[in-house]
N, C-alpha and C. Protein backbone atom coordinates (compact mmCIF):
# COMPACT_ATOMS: atom_id res chain seq x y z
N MET A 1 -2.42 -2.97 3.28
CA MET A 1 -2.51 -1.91 2.29
C MET A 1 -3.55 -0.89 2.74
N LYS A 2 -3.21 0.34 2.67
CA LYS A 2 -4.14 1.39 3.03
C LYS A 2 -4.85 1.89 1.77
N PRO A 3 -6.19 1.82 1.74
CA PRO A 3 -6.92 2.20 0.54
C PRO A 3 -6.84 3.68 0.20
N HIS A 4 -6.42 4.55 1.12
CA HIS A 4 -6.36 5.98 0.84
C HIS A 4 -5.07 6.39 0.12
N ARG A 5 -4.10 5.48 0.00
CA ARG A 5 -2.87 5.78 -0.76
C ARG A 5 -3.20 6.06 -2.21
N THR A 6 -2.44 6.94 -2.84
CA THR A 6 -2.64 7.20 -4.25
C THR A 6 -2.23 5.95 -5.03
N PRO A 7 -3.15 5.35 -5.78
CA PRO A 7 -2.82 4.11 -6.50
C PRO A 7 -1.96 4.36 -7.74
N LEU A 8 -1.23 3.33 -8.14
CA LEU A 8 -0.48 3.36 -9.40
C LEU A 8 -1.45 3.32 -10.58
N ALA A 9 -2.58 2.62 -10.39
CA ALA A 9 -3.63 2.52 -11.41
C ALA A 9 -4.91 2.10 -10.71
N SER A 10 -6.05 2.43 -11.30
CA SER A 10 -7.33 2.00 -10.75
C SER A 10 -8.35 1.87 -11.86
N ALA A 11 -9.39 1.09 -11.58
CA ALA A 11 -10.46 0.87 -12.56
C ALA A 11 -11.70 0.37 -11.85
N ARG A 12 -12.85 0.68 -12.43
CA ARG A 12 -14.12 0.12 -11.94
C ARG A 12 -14.18 -1.32 -12.44
N ILE A 13 -14.63 -2.23 -11.60
CA ILE A 13 -14.70 -3.65 -11.95
C ILE A 13 -16.04 -4.25 -11.56
N LEU A 14 -16.28 -5.47 -12.05
CA LEU A 14 -17.47 -6.24 -11.72
C LEU A 14 -18.73 -5.40 -11.93
N ASP A 15 -18.92 -5.00 -13.19
CA ASP A 15 -20.06 -4.19 -13.60
C ASP A 15 -20.13 -2.84 -12.89
N GLY A 16 -18.98 -2.30 -12.52
CA GLY A 16 -18.92 -0.99 -11.88
C GLY A 16 -19.25 -0.99 -10.40
N ALA A 17 -19.46 -2.16 -9.81
CA ALA A 17 -19.86 -2.23 -8.40
C ALA A 17 -18.68 -2.06 -7.43
N HIS A 18 -17.46 -2.22 -7.92
CA HIS A 18 -16.27 -2.16 -7.07
C HIS A 18 -15.18 -1.34 -7.78
N GLU A 19 -14.22 -0.86 -7.00
CA GLU A 19 -13.05 -0.19 -7.58
C GLU A 19 -11.80 -0.97 -7.21
N LEU A 20 -11.04 -1.33 -8.24
CA LEU A 20 -9.74 -1.98 -8.07
C LEU A 20 -8.68 -0.90 -8.08
N SER A 21 -7.81 -0.90 -7.08
CA SER A 21 -6.69 0.04 -7.01
C SER A 21 -5.41 -0.74 -6.81
N VAL A 22 -4.47 -0.57 -7.74
CA VAL A 22 -3.17 -1.22 -7.64
C VAL A 22 -2.24 -0.26 -6.90
N HIS A 23 -1.68 -0.72 -5.77
CA HIS A 23 -0.87 0.14 -4.91
C HIS A 23 0.62 -0.12 -5.01
N ASP A 24 1.00 -1.30 -5.49
CA ASP A 24 2.42 -1.62 -5.51
C ASP A 24 2.70 -2.67 -6.58
N LEU A 25 3.85 -2.57 -7.19
CA LEU A 25 4.34 -3.53 -8.17
C LEU A 25 5.73 -3.94 -7.68
N LYS A 26 5.86 -5.18 -7.24
CA LYS A 26 7.13 -5.66 -6.70
C LYS A 26 7.79 -6.61 -7.68
N ARG A 27 9.03 -6.30 -8.01
CA ARG A 27 9.82 -7.16 -8.89
C ARG A 27 10.48 -8.26 -8.07
N ARG A 28 10.54 -9.43 -8.67
CA ARG A 28 11.25 -10.57 -8.10
C ARG A 28 12.21 -11.08 -9.18
N ASP A 29 13.10 -11.99 -8.82
CA ASP A 29 14.05 -12.55 -9.79
C ASP A 29 13.36 -13.35 -10.89
N ASP A 30 12.22 -13.98 -10.56
CA ASP A 30 11.54 -14.84 -11.52
C ASP A 30 10.11 -14.42 -11.84
N SER A 31 9.65 -13.30 -11.26
CA SER A 31 8.25 -12.91 -11.40
C SER A 31 8.07 -11.45 -10.95
N PHE A 32 6.82 -11.00 -10.96
CA PHE A 32 6.46 -9.73 -10.34
C PHE A 32 5.10 -9.90 -9.69
N THR A 33 4.82 -9.06 -8.72
CA THR A 33 3.57 -9.17 -7.96
C THR A 33 2.90 -7.80 -7.87
N LEU A 34 1.61 -7.78 -8.14
CA LEU A 34 0.79 -6.59 -7.94
C LEU A 34 0.09 -6.71 -6.60
N HIS A 35 0.10 -5.63 -5.83
CA HIS A 35 -0.64 -5.58 -4.57
C HIS A 35 -1.78 -4.59 -4.79
N TYR A 36 -2.98 -4.99 -4.42
CA TYR A 36 -4.15 -4.18 -4.75
C TYR A 36 -5.16 -4.18 -3.62
N THR A 37 -6.12 -3.26 -3.72
CA THR A 37 -7.29 -3.25 -2.87
C THR A 37 -8.52 -3.19 -3.76
N ILE A 38 -9.62 -3.69 -3.24
CA ILE A 38 -10.92 -3.61 -3.92
C ILE A 38 -11.91 -3.06 -2.90
N ALA A 39 -12.62 -1.99 -3.29
CA ALA A 39 -13.61 -1.38 -2.41
C ALA A 39 -14.90 -1.14 -3.19
N PRO A 40 -16.05 -1.36 -2.61
CA PRO A 40 -16.24 -2.06 -1.34
C PRO A 40 -15.69 -3.48 -1.41
N PRO A 41 -15.55 -4.15 -0.26
CA PRO A 41 -14.93 -5.48 -0.26
C PRO A 41 -15.74 -6.49 -1.05
N LEU A 42 -15.04 -7.50 -1.57
CA LEU A 42 -15.71 -8.63 -2.20
C LEU A 42 -16.46 -9.41 -1.12
N LEU A 43 -17.51 -10.10 -1.52
CA LEU A 43 -18.27 -10.90 -0.57
C LEU A 43 -17.42 -12.04 -0.03
N ASP A 44 -17.66 -12.44 1.19
CA ASP A 44 -16.92 -13.51 1.85
C ASP A 44 -17.10 -14.82 1.08
N ALA A 45 -15.98 -15.40 0.64
CA ALA A 45 -16.01 -16.63 -0.15
C ALA A 45 -16.56 -17.81 0.65
N ALA A 46 -16.54 -17.73 1.98
CA ALA A 46 -17.10 -18.81 2.79
C ALA A 46 -18.62 -18.86 2.67
N ASP A 47 -19.23 -17.71 2.40
CA ASP A 47 -20.69 -17.63 2.31
C ASP A 47 -21.21 -17.46 0.90
N HIS A 48 -20.36 -17.06 -0.05
CA HIS A 48 -20.78 -16.78 -1.43
C HIS A 48 -19.81 -17.41 -2.41
N THR A 49 -20.20 -17.45 -3.66
CA THR A 49 -19.30 -17.94 -4.70
C THR A 49 -18.07 -17.04 -4.75
N PRO A 50 -16.88 -17.61 -4.67
CA PRO A 50 -15.67 -16.76 -4.70
C PRO A 50 -15.47 -16.11 -6.06
N VAL A 51 -14.78 -15.00 -6.05
CA VAL A 51 -14.37 -14.32 -7.28
C VAL A 51 -12.94 -14.77 -7.55
N LEU A 52 -12.68 -15.28 -8.75
CA LEU A 52 -11.35 -15.73 -9.13
C LEU A 52 -10.73 -14.69 -10.05
N LEU A 53 -9.40 -14.55 -9.97
CA LEU A 53 -8.68 -13.58 -10.80
C LEU A 53 -7.69 -14.30 -11.69
N ALA A 54 -7.50 -13.77 -12.89
CA ALA A 54 -6.46 -14.26 -13.81
C ALA A 54 -5.78 -13.04 -14.41
N LEU A 55 -4.48 -13.13 -14.60
CA LEU A 55 -3.69 -12.00 -15.11
C LEU A 55 -2.94 -12.40 -16.37
N GLU A 56 -3.03 -11.55 -17.38
CA GLU A 56 -2.22 -11.66 -18.60
C GLU A 56 -1.66 -10.27 -18.84
N ALA A 57 -0.42 -10.20 -19.33
CA ALA A 57 0.18 -8.88 -19.53
C ALA A 57 1.20 -8.91 -20.66
N MET A 58 1.47 -7.72 -21.20
CA MET A 58 2.50 -7.54 -22.21
C MET A 58 3.18 -6.20 -21.95
N ASP A 59 4.51 -6.19 -22.06
CA ASP A 59 5.21 -4.93 -21.86
C ASP A 59 5.41 -4.22 -23.20
N ASP A 60 5.97 -3.02 -23.14
CA ASP A 60 6.13 -2.20 -24.32
C ASP A 60 7.30 -2.62 -25.20
N VAL A 61 8.02 -3.66 -24.82
CA VAL A 61 9.07 -4.20 -25.69
C VAL A 61 8.71 -5.59 -26.21
N GLY A 62 7.45 -6.00 -26.00
CA GLY A 62 6.94 -7.23 -26.61
C GLY A 62 6.97 -8.49 -25.78
N ASN A 63 7.38 -8.43 -24.52
CA ASN A 63 7.39 -9.62 -23.66
C ASN A 63 6.00 -9.88 -23.10
N GLU A 64 5.65 -11.16 -22.99
CA GLU A 64 4.37 -11.55 -22.41
C GLU A 64 4.58 -12.14 -21.03
N TYR A 65 3.58 -11.94 -20.18
CA TYR A 65 3.62 -12.42 -18.80
C TYR A 65 2.29 -13.11 -18.49
N PHE A 66 2.38 -14.17 -17.68
CA PHE A 66 1.19 -14.96 -17.40
C PHE A 66 1.03 -15.20 -15.91
N ASP A 67 -0.21 -15.35 -15.51
CA ASP A 67 -0.63 -15.55 -14.12
C ASP A 67 0.19 -16.65 -13.45
N TRP A 68 0.57 -16.36 -12.20
CA TRP A 68 1.32 -17.32 -11.40
C TRP A 68 0.68 -17.50 -10.03
N GLY A 69 -0.54 -17.03 -9.88
CA GLY A 69 -1.27 -17.22 -8.63
C GLY A 69 -1.37 -15.95 -7.81
N GLY A 70 -2.21 -16.02 -6.80
CA GLY A 70 -2.43 -14.88 -5.93
C GLY A 70 -3.36 -15.25 -4.79
N ALA A 71 -3.70 -14.27 -4.00
CA ALA A 71 -4.60 -14.48 -2.88
C ALA A 71 -5.24 -13.15 -2.51
N TYR A 72 -6.41 -13.23 -1.86
CA TYR A 72 -7.04 -12.02 -1.36
C TYR A 72 -7.88 -12.36 -0.14
N GLY A 73 -8.19 -11.33 0.63
CA GLY A 73 -9.02 -11.50 1.81
C GLY A 73 -9.47 -10.15 2.33
N ALA A 74 -10.43 -10.19 3.22
CA ALA A 74 -10.98 -8.95 3.77
C ALA A 74 -9.96 -8.24 4.64
N ALA A 75 -9.94 -6.93 4.54
CA ALA A 75 -9.09 -6.11 5.41
C ALA A 75 -9.61 -6.23 6.84
N ASP A 76 -8.73 -6.01 7.80
CA ASP A 76 -9.12 -6.14 9.21
C ASP A 76 -10.30 -5.24 9.58
N ASP A 77 -10.35 -4.05 8.97
CA ASP A 77 -11.44 -3.13 9.31
C ASP A 77 -12.71 -3.36 8.47
N GLY A 78 -12.66 -4.31 7.52
CA GLY A 78 -13.84 -4.67 6.74
C GLY A 78 -14.22 -3.69 5.65
N THR A 79 -13.42 -2.65 5.40
CA THR A 79 -13.80 -1.63 4.43
C THR A 79 -13.42 -1.96 3.00
N HIS A 80 -12.52 -2.95 2.82
CA HIS A 80 -12.04 -3.29 1.48
C HIS A 80 -11.45 -4.69 1.49
N THR A 81 -11.12 -5.17 0.32
CA THR A 81 -10.41 -6.44 0.15
C THR A 81 -8.96 -6.11 -0.18
N ASP A 82 -8.02 -6.80 0.48
CA ASP A 82 -6.59 -6.70 0.16
C ASP A 82 -6.21 -7.92 -0.66
N GLY A 83 -5.37 -7.74 -1.67
CA GLY A 83 -4.96 -8.89 -2.45
C GLY A 83 -3.64 -8.69 -3.15
N SER A 84 -3.16 -9.80 -3.71
CA SER A 84 -1.96 -9.76 -4.54
C SER A 84 -2.12 -10.80 -5.63
N ILE A 85 -1.50 -10.54 -6.78
CA ILE A 85 -1.49 -11.48 -7.88
C ILE A 85 -0.13 -11.37 -8.56
N SER A 86 0.44 -12.52 -8.89
CA SER A 86 1.78 -12.57 -9.48
C SER A 86 1.73 -13.05 -10.91
N ALA A 87 2.79 -12.73 -11.64
CA ALA A 87 2.92 -13.18 -13.03
C ALA A 87 4.39 -13.53 -13.28
N GLN A 88 4.60 -14.39 -14.27
CA GLN A 88 5.95 -14.79 -14.69
C GLN A 88 6.09 -14.56 -16.17
N PRO A 89 7.29 -14.40 -16.67
CA PRO A 89 8.58 -14.34 -15.99
C PRO A 89 8.78 -12.99 -15.31
N ALA A 90 10.02 -12.73 -14.86
CA ALA A 90 10.35 -11.44 -14.26
C ALA A 90 10.17 -10.33 -15.30
N LEU A 91 9.86 -9.13 -14.85
CA LEU A 91 9.73 -7.99 -15.76
C LEU A 91 11.06 -7.72 -16.46
N ALA A 92 10.98 -7.47 -17.75
CA ALA A 92 12.18 -7.15 -18.52
C ALA A 92 12.76 -5.83 -18.04
N ALA A 93 14.08 -5.76 -17.94
CA ALA A 93 14.75 -4.55 -17.46
C ALA A 93 14.46 -3.34 -18.34
N LYS A 94 14.26 -3.55 -19.64
CA LYS A 94 14.03 -2.44 -20.58
C LYS A 94 12.56 -2.03 -20.69
N ALA A 95 11.68 -2.75 -20.04
CA ALA A 95 10.25 -2.43 -20.12
C ALA A 95 9.96 -1.12 -19.40
N GLY A 96 9.25 -0.21 -20.07
CA GLY A 96 8.86 1.06 -19.48
C GLY A 96 7.44 1.06 -18.97
N GLU A 97 6.60 0.21 -19.56
CA GLU A 97 5.23 0.07 -19.09
C GLU A 97 4.73 -1.33 -19.40
N ILE A 98 3.71 -1.71 -18.67
CA ILE A 98 3.12 -3.03 -18.85
C ILE A 98 1.61 -2.85 -18.98
N ARG A 99 1.04 -3.48 -20.00
CA ARG A 99 -0.40 -3.44 -20.24
C ARG A 99 -0.98 -4.77 -19.73
N MET A 100 -1.93 -4.67 -18.82
CA MET A 100 -2.47 -5.86 -18.16
C MET A 100 -3.95 -6.04 -18.42
N ARG A 101 -4.31 -7.29 -18.51
CA ARG A 101 -5.72 -7.67 -18.51
C ARG A 101 -5.91 -8.55 -17.29
N ILE A 102 -6.69 -8.06 -16.35
CA ILE A 102 -7.04 -8.84 -15.18
C ILE A 102 -8.49 -9.24 -15.36
N THR A 103 -8.72 -10.55 -15.38
CA THR A 103 -10.08 -11.06 -15.57
C THR A 103 -10.61 -11.57 -14.25
N PHE A 104 -11.76 -11.06 -13.87
CA PHE A 104 -12.45 -11.50 -12.66
C PHE A 104 -13.53 -12.49 -13.11
N LEU A 105 -13.51 -13.67 -12.54
CA LEU A 105 -14.49 -14.70 -12.86
C LEU A 105 -15.44 -14.83 -11.67
N ARG A 106 -16.73 -14.52 -11.92
CA ARG A 106 -17.73 -14.57 -10.87
C ARG A 106 -18.98 -15.25 -11.41
N ASN A 107 -19.41 -16.29 -10.74
CA ASN A 107 -20.62 -17.02 -11.14
C ASN A 107 -20.57 -17.45 -12.61
N GLY A 108 -19.42 -17.89 -13.08
CA GLY A 108 -19.26 -18.38 -14.44
C GLY A 108 -19.15 -17.29 -15.50
N GLU A 109 -19.14 -16.03 -15.10
CA GLU A 109 -19.02 -14.93 -16.05
C GLU A 109 -17.66 -14.25 -15.91
N GLU A 110 -17.06 -13.90 -17.06
CA GLU A 110 -15.79 -13.18 -17.07
C GLU A 110 -16.04 -11.68 -17.08
N HIS A 111 -15.28 -10.98 -16.25
CA HIS A 111 -15.34 -9.51 -16.17
C HIS A 111 -13.92 -8.98 -16.32
N PRO A 112 -13.50 -8.69 -17.56
CA PRO A 112 -12.12 -8.22 -17.77
C PRO A 112 -11.92 -6.76 -17.36
N CYS A 113 -10.71 -6.46 -16.96
CA CYS A 113 -10.30 -5.12 -16.57
C CYS A 113 -8.94 -4.88 -17.23
N HIS A 114 -8.75 -3.72 -17.83
CA HIS A 114 -7.49 -3.40 -18.51
C HIS A 114 -6.81 -2.25 -17.77
N LEU A 115 -5.52 -2.44 -17.47
CA LEU A 115 -4.73 -1.44 -16.77
C LEU A 115 -3.38 -1.27 -17.46
N VAL A 116 -2.82 -0.08 -17.36
CA VAL A 116 -1.46 0.18 -17.83
C VAL A 116 -0.68 0.74 -16.65
N LEU A 117 0.48 0.13 -16.38
CA LEU A 117 1.35 0.59 -15.30
C LEU A 117 2.71 0.97 -15.86
N ARG A 118 3.25 2.08 -15.40
CA ARG A 118 4.63 2.44 -15.72
C ARG A 118 5.55 1.56 -14.89
N THR A 119 6.50 0.91 -15.50
CA THR A 119 7.43 0.07 -14.75
C THR A 119 8.76 0.77 -14.54
N SER A 120 9.02 1.82 -15.29
CA SER A 120 10.29 2.52 -15.15
C SER A 120 10.42 3.20 -13.80
N ALA A 121 9.30 3.47 -13.14
CA ALA A 121 9.32 4.10 -11.83
C ALA A 121 9.55 3.08 -10.71
N VAL A 122 9.50 1.80 -11.05
CA VAL A 122 9.67 0.75 -10.07
C VAL A 122 11.10 0.26 -10.11
N LYS A 123 11.80 0.36 -9.01
CA LYS A 123 13.20 -0.06 -8.99
C LYS A 123 13.32 -1.57 -9.03
N PRO A 124 14.24 -2.10 -9.85
CA PRO A 124 14.42 -3.56 -9.91
C PRO A 124 14.97 -4.10 -8.61
């Protein structure tokens, strides 16, 4: 993921120390996946307490979606973190937007982030 791409949504996270940018929303038959970057990069989990993510979402027609896992790691150039997080079930065909709460858990503290993404622009 290239951090200079115009994101679908972005927000300051972890007490404003980082910026989360969602670059892609991919639909699957049973789920959907957000692809994102975080800049500056998160600290290396091998040397520091890892940051965990959890996703909850609701679309504009009332369907709820729940975390199905994800992964992240440092970009090759070290300038940001690349990641993805998935949720189930699949996005409803009639949903025009999805409201998400992504919670970052760091050192036992929750840091929620709220985003709204248009889903009508994403082809099924």
